[in-house]
Amino acid sequence: MPHYHHRNVGVCVEECKRFKTSLSCPVPDEEGALYQTKGVMLLGEAPGKEERDGLQPFIGPAGGWLNRAIAESGYPNLRDHFYLLNVVRCYAKGNPPPTKAEIEFHRPFVLEAIYEADPACIVLLGAIPLKFFSVTGGVGSRQGQRIPWEGRILCPTYHPSYAMRTRSDHYREKIGQDIKMAWDLAQQIKNQPKREPIREIPRS
């Protein structure tokens, strides 16, 4: 079932008015079946129209593409074995790239979700998650790297929608390889003690 991490949905709605986004928010992140044992979080950019209407992340065309890429890599089903989350929780008409103000407003909710889910690895899907973590350089230069963060590992890769637009098997393979790398790494370290608390404090 979807799981809400917004502590004050009313505040979110008021902020959506200011950002001129949809009032049908927040789109929840999704625990899946193995909330306490998930080792990998997939962090996307923002919900699309399908996610807004279905109130689930990663159910649009990019999510379907991502699920197939993971299956082709020989790894578990997207919805059953990965914690799914977007940097921005609210749908904006036309699905434009999130602004800096929108990213910063949603930061406490994302940090809270990371702390509660406690993933060993976080796969950063596209440029917006890189900005969220202040990772310098573009996706192309960071893809495939392992970046330490708060006792966890960040794994940058391309966004599925980019791979869909390019129609290139190269990006499909890279995304699959990066998620496989994160999964394998998480299995190696998932039994270690709970990672250190996140230093940034979510808003109350």
Protein backbone atom coordinates (compact mmCIF):
# COMPACT_ATOMS: atom_id res chain seq x y z
CA MET A 1 0.00 0.00 0.00
CA PRO A 2 1.16 3.60 -0.56
CA HIS A 3 2.71 5.23 2.47
CA TYR A 4 2.48 8.96 3.20
CA HIS A 5 5.42 10.72 4.78
CA HIS A 6 3.94 14.24 4.71
CA ARG A 7 3.47 15.32 8.31
CA ASN A 8 1.21 18.17 7.30
CA VAL A 9 -0.61 17.65 4.02
CA GLY A 10 -2.35 21.01 4.45
CA VAL A 11 0.99 22.77 4.30
CA CYS A 12 1.81 20.82 1.15
CA VAL A 13 -1.44 21.89 -0.51
CA GLU A 14 -0.83 25.54 0.36
CA GLU A 15 2.65 25.33 -1.08
CA CYS A 16 1.26 23.71 -4.22
CA LYS A 17 -0.96 26.75 -4.69
CA ARG A 18 2.13 28.93 -4.52
CA PHE A 19 4.01 26.76 -6.97
CA LYS A 20 0.89 26.53 -9.21
CA THR A 21 0.98 22.73 -9.12
CA SER A 22 -1.90 20.28 -8.88
CA LEU A 23 -3.92 20.16 -5.67
CA SER A 24 -4.31 16.38 -5.98
CA CYS A 25 -1.26 15.75 -3.87
CA PRO A 26 0.84 14.40 -2.35
CA VAL A 27 1.54 11.38 -4.51
CA PRO A 28 2.83 8.88 -1.94
CA ASP A 29 5.98 6.90 -2.12
CA GLU A 30 5.48 3.16 -2.15
CA GLU A 31 6.70 0.66 0.40
CA GLY A 32 6.05 -2.52 -1.57
CA ALA A 33 6.05 -5.89 0.14
CA LEU A 34 9.38 -5.83 1.97
CA TYR A 35 9.52 -2.40 3.63
CA GLN A 36 11.86 -3.38 6.47
CA THR A 37 14.25 -5.38 4.30
CA LYS A 38 14.53 -3.26 1.17
CA GLY A 39 18.12 -2.41 0.46
CA VAL A 40 17.67 -0.14 -2.57
CA MET A 41 15.66 3.03 -3.08
CA LEU A 42 14.93 4.30 -6.59
CA LEU A 43 14.68 8.09 -6.45
CA GLY A 44 12.98 9.76 -9.40
CA GLU A 45 12.20 13.37 -10.23
CA ALA A 46 8.47 14.11 -9.95
CA PRO A 47 5.13 12.36 -10.57
CA GLY A 48 3.51 12.49 -13.98
CA LYS A 49 -0.20 12.56 -14.79
CA GLU A 50 -0.51 8.77 -14.45
CA GLU A 51 1.04 8.87 -10.98
CA ARG A 52 -1.25 11.71 -9.96
CA ASP A 53 -4.35 9.86 -11.15
CA GLY A 54 -3.27 6.47 -9.79
CA LEU A 55 -1.72 7.80 -6.57
CA GLN A 56 1.32 5.56 -7.01
CA PRO A 57 4.85 6.40 -8.13
CA PHE A 58 6.40 4.91 -11.28
CA ILE A 59 3.21 3.71 -12.96
CA GLY A 60 3.50 5.84 -16.11
CA PRO A 61 5.41 5.02 -19.32
CA ALA A 62 8.82 5.63 -17.70
CA GLY A 63 7.90 3.35 -14.80
CA GLY A 64 6.83 0.60 -17.18
CA TRP A 65 10.04 0.98 -19.13
CA LEU A 66 12.07 0.82 -15.91
CA ASN A 67 10.29 -2.35 -14.80
CA ARG A 68 11.12 -4.04 -18.09
CA ALA A 69 14.77 -2.92 -17.91
CA ILE A 70 15.06 -4.40 -14.42
CA ALA A 71 13.45 -7.66 -15.55
CA GLU A 72 15.87 -7.89 -18.47
CA SER A 73 18.75 -7.54 -16.02
CA GLY A 74 17.49 -10.64 -14.23
CA TYR A 75 16.59 -8.87 -11.02
CA PRO A 76 13.41 -8.69 -8.93
CA ASN A 77 10.20 -6.94 -9.84
CA LEU A 78 10.24 -3.17 -9.46
CA ARG A 79 7.24 -2.85 -7.17
CA ASP A 80 8.04 -5.81 -4.94
CA HIS A 81 11.69 -5.24 -4.19
CA PHE A 82 12.54 -1.54 -4.44
CA TYR A 83 11.46 1.44 -2.37
CA LEU A 84 10.05 3.98 -4.85
CA LEU A 85 10.18 7.71 -4.26
CA ASN A 86 10.30 11.03 -6.11
CA VAL A 87 12.21 14.16 -5.10
CA VAL A 88 9.05 16.22 -5.61
CA ARG A 89 5.81 14.68 -4.42
CA CYS A 90 3.27 16.82 -6.31
CA TYR A 91 2.25 16.82 -9.96
CA ALA A 92 2.68 20.01 -11.97
CA LYS A 93 0.63 20.47 -15.16
CA GLY A 94 2.74 19.66 -18.18
CA ASN A 95 5.26 17.88 -15.95
CA PRO A 96 8.02 20.54 -16.16
CA PRO A 97 11.35 20.01 -14.39
CA PRO A 98 10.99 20.79 -10.65
CA THR A 99 12.25 24.20 -9.59
CA LYS A 100 14.83 24.76 -6.87
CA ALA A 101 12.07 26.06 -4.57
CA GLU A 102 9.98 22.92 -5.10
CA ILE A 103 12.97 20.66 -4.45
CA GLU A 104 13.79 22.48 -1.22
CA PHE A 105 10.21 22.42 0.01
CA HIS A 106 10.01 18.65 -0.39
CA ARG A 107 13.49 18.00 1.03
CA PRO A 108 12.35 17.21 4.62
CA PHE A 109 9.81 14.67 3.42
CA VAL A 110 12.37 12.89 1.24
CA LEU A 111 14.93 12.82 4.06
CA GLU A 112 12.33 11.42 6.44
CA ALA A 113 11.45 8.68 3.95
CA ILE A 114 15.14 7.80 3.49
CA TYR A 115 15.67 7.58 7.22
CA GLU A 116 12.59 5.41 7.78
CA ALA A 117 13.28 3.07 4.84
CA ASP A 118 17.01 3.00 5.64
CA PRO A 119 18.22 1.88 2.18
CA ALA A 120 21.85 0.87 1.81
CA CYS A 121 21.89 2.28 -1.73
CA ILE A 122 19.91 5.03 -3.44
CA VAL A 123 19.75 4.99 -7.23
CA LEU A 124 19.49 8.56 -8.53
CA LEU A 125 17.36 8.55 -11.67
CA GLY A 126 18.27 11.65 -13.65
CA ALA A 127 19.47 15.18 -12.99
CA ILE A 128 16.97 16.26 -10.31
CA PRO A 129 18.02 13.65 -7.72
CA LEU A 130 21.64 14.65 -8.36
CA LYS A 131 20.71 18.25 -7.60
CA PHE A 132 18.87 17.15 -4.46
CA PHE A 133 22.10 15.64 -3.11
CA SER A 134 24.27 18.48 -4.47
CA VAL A 135 26.21 16.05 -6.65
CA THR A 136 28.35 18.09 -9.03
CA GLY A 137 28.68 17.25 -12.70
CA GLY A 138 26.06 15.90 -15.07
CA VAL A 139 24.48 12.48 -15.15
CA GLY A 140 26.76 11.40 -18.00
CA SER A 141 29.90 12.09 -15.99
CA ARG A 142 28.55 10.57 -12.77
CA GLN A 143 26.75 7.51 -14.14
CA GLY A 144 28.08 4.27 -12.70
CA GLN A 145 29.85 5.89 -9.74
CA ARG A 146 29.40 5.06 -6.07
CA ILE A 147 29.10 8.20 -3.94
CA PRO A 148 29.13 7.91 -0.12
CA TRP A 149 26.40 9.86 1.69
CA GLU A 150 25.37 9.60 5.35
CA GLY A 151 26.51 5.98 5.64
CA ARG A 152 24.75 5.07 2.40
CA ILE A 153 25.78 4.81 -1.25
CA LEU A 154 24.36 7.02 -4.01
CA CYS A 155 24.34 5.45 -7.49
CA PRO A 156 23.64 7.99 -10.26
CA THR A 157 22.16 6.84 -13.56
CA TYR A 158 20.01 8.10 -16.42
CA HIS A 159 16.31 8.79 -16.08
CA PRO A 160 14.13 6.22 -17.87
CA SER A 161 12.31 8.94 -19.83
CA TYR A 162 15.64 10.05 -21.30
CA ALA A 163 16.43 6.52 -22.38
CA MET A 164 12.95 6.26 -23.91
CA ARG A 165 13.45 9.44 -25.93
CA THR A 166 16.83 8.36 -27.27
CA ARG A 167 15.53 4.90 -28.24
CA SER A 168 19.04 3.62 -27.55
CA ASP A 169 19.87 0.21 -26.11
CA HIS A 170 23.01 1.81 -24.65
CA TYR A 171 21.06 3.73 -22.00
CA ARG A 172 18.78 0.80 -21.24
CA GLU A 173 21.85 -1.33 -20.56
CA LYS A 174 23.48 1.36 -18.42
CA ILE A 175 20.38 1.85 -16.26
CA GLY A 176 19.99 -1.91 -15.83
CA GLN A 177 23.66 -2.28 -14.92
CA ASP A 178 23.51 0.55 -12.39
CA ILE A 179 20.45 -0.86 -10.64
CA LYS A 180 22.04 -4.32 -10.64
CA MET A 181 25.18 -2.84 -9.09
CA ALA A 182 23.14 -1.11 -6.39
CA TRP A 183 21.17 -4.29 -5.67
CA ASP A 184 24.29 -6.44 -5.40
CA LEU A 185 26.00 -3.89 -3.17
CA ALA A 186 22.95 -3.60 -0.92
CA GLN A 187 22.79 -7.37 -0.45
CA GLN A 188 26.39 -7.31 0.75
CA ILE A 189 25.80 -4.67 3.41
CA LYS A 190 22.10 -4.95 4.31
CA ASN A 191 22.79 -6.89 7.49
CA GLN A 192 25.04 -4.21 8.91
CA PRO A 193 23.72 -2.10 11.83
CA LYS A 194 21.26 0.67 11.00
CA ARG A 195 23.02 3.53 9.28
CA GLU A 196 23.69 6.75 11.13
CA PRO A 197 20.82 9.27 11.48
CA ILE A 198 20.48 11.87 8.77
CA ARG A 199 21.89 15.14 10.04
CA GLU A 200 19.29 17.35 8.34
CA ILE A 201 16.18 17.50 10.50
CA PRO A 202 12.79 17.14 8.72
CA ARG A 203 10.24 19.87 9.46
CA SER A 204 7.70 19.01 12.11
